[in-house]
């Protein structure tokens, strides 16, 4: 038969009560942080879902629209049927071997030039009014020499130049954004080559 508890004996011993009190003393200073943590964890998923719903519904309102610009010399542009291929198939144009030549002071070897189909010279500078040119007379001489040697070794090779690059493209957006400087830029490219 089970033993009967005396009514005067406590349900729990006093040492466990002291432990609970010390635990409460430990948790009490962090109660605010615990509540804050629970609020954050509880509200992050609904906030994310709500923000995604707003972005999905209001994407047109929230995005910047590019203003229409009137470009007079592009009025005769025709829409192209996207189902028709405009590119030349690879088997007709053959393979391309391209050298992007950045180090002006290191000449391209003749053996390398023989195998190239394209030689891209980097970099040509651009001014704020759309003029392109070399950074120095020495660069111009090196480019002319490179172009001359390349044409002697490989007459079918295309010689090109990269404009700007290496952090020197700061005028590009303004030049292209203005009709007059854009035309001057195009004329400068045509004159350059």
Foldseek 3Di string as FASTA:
>chain_A
DDDDDDPPDDPDDVVVVVVVVVVCVVCVVCVVVVVVVVVCVVCPVVVVVVVVVCCVVCVVVPDDDDDDDDDPVCPPPDDDDVVDDPDDDDVVVDDADEAEDEDLVDADDLVVLLPGQEYEYDDWAADLLQAIGHPDVSSVVSLVVNVVSSCVSHVNHHYHYHYAPPPRCPNVVNQCVDNNSVVVNVVNRVVVD
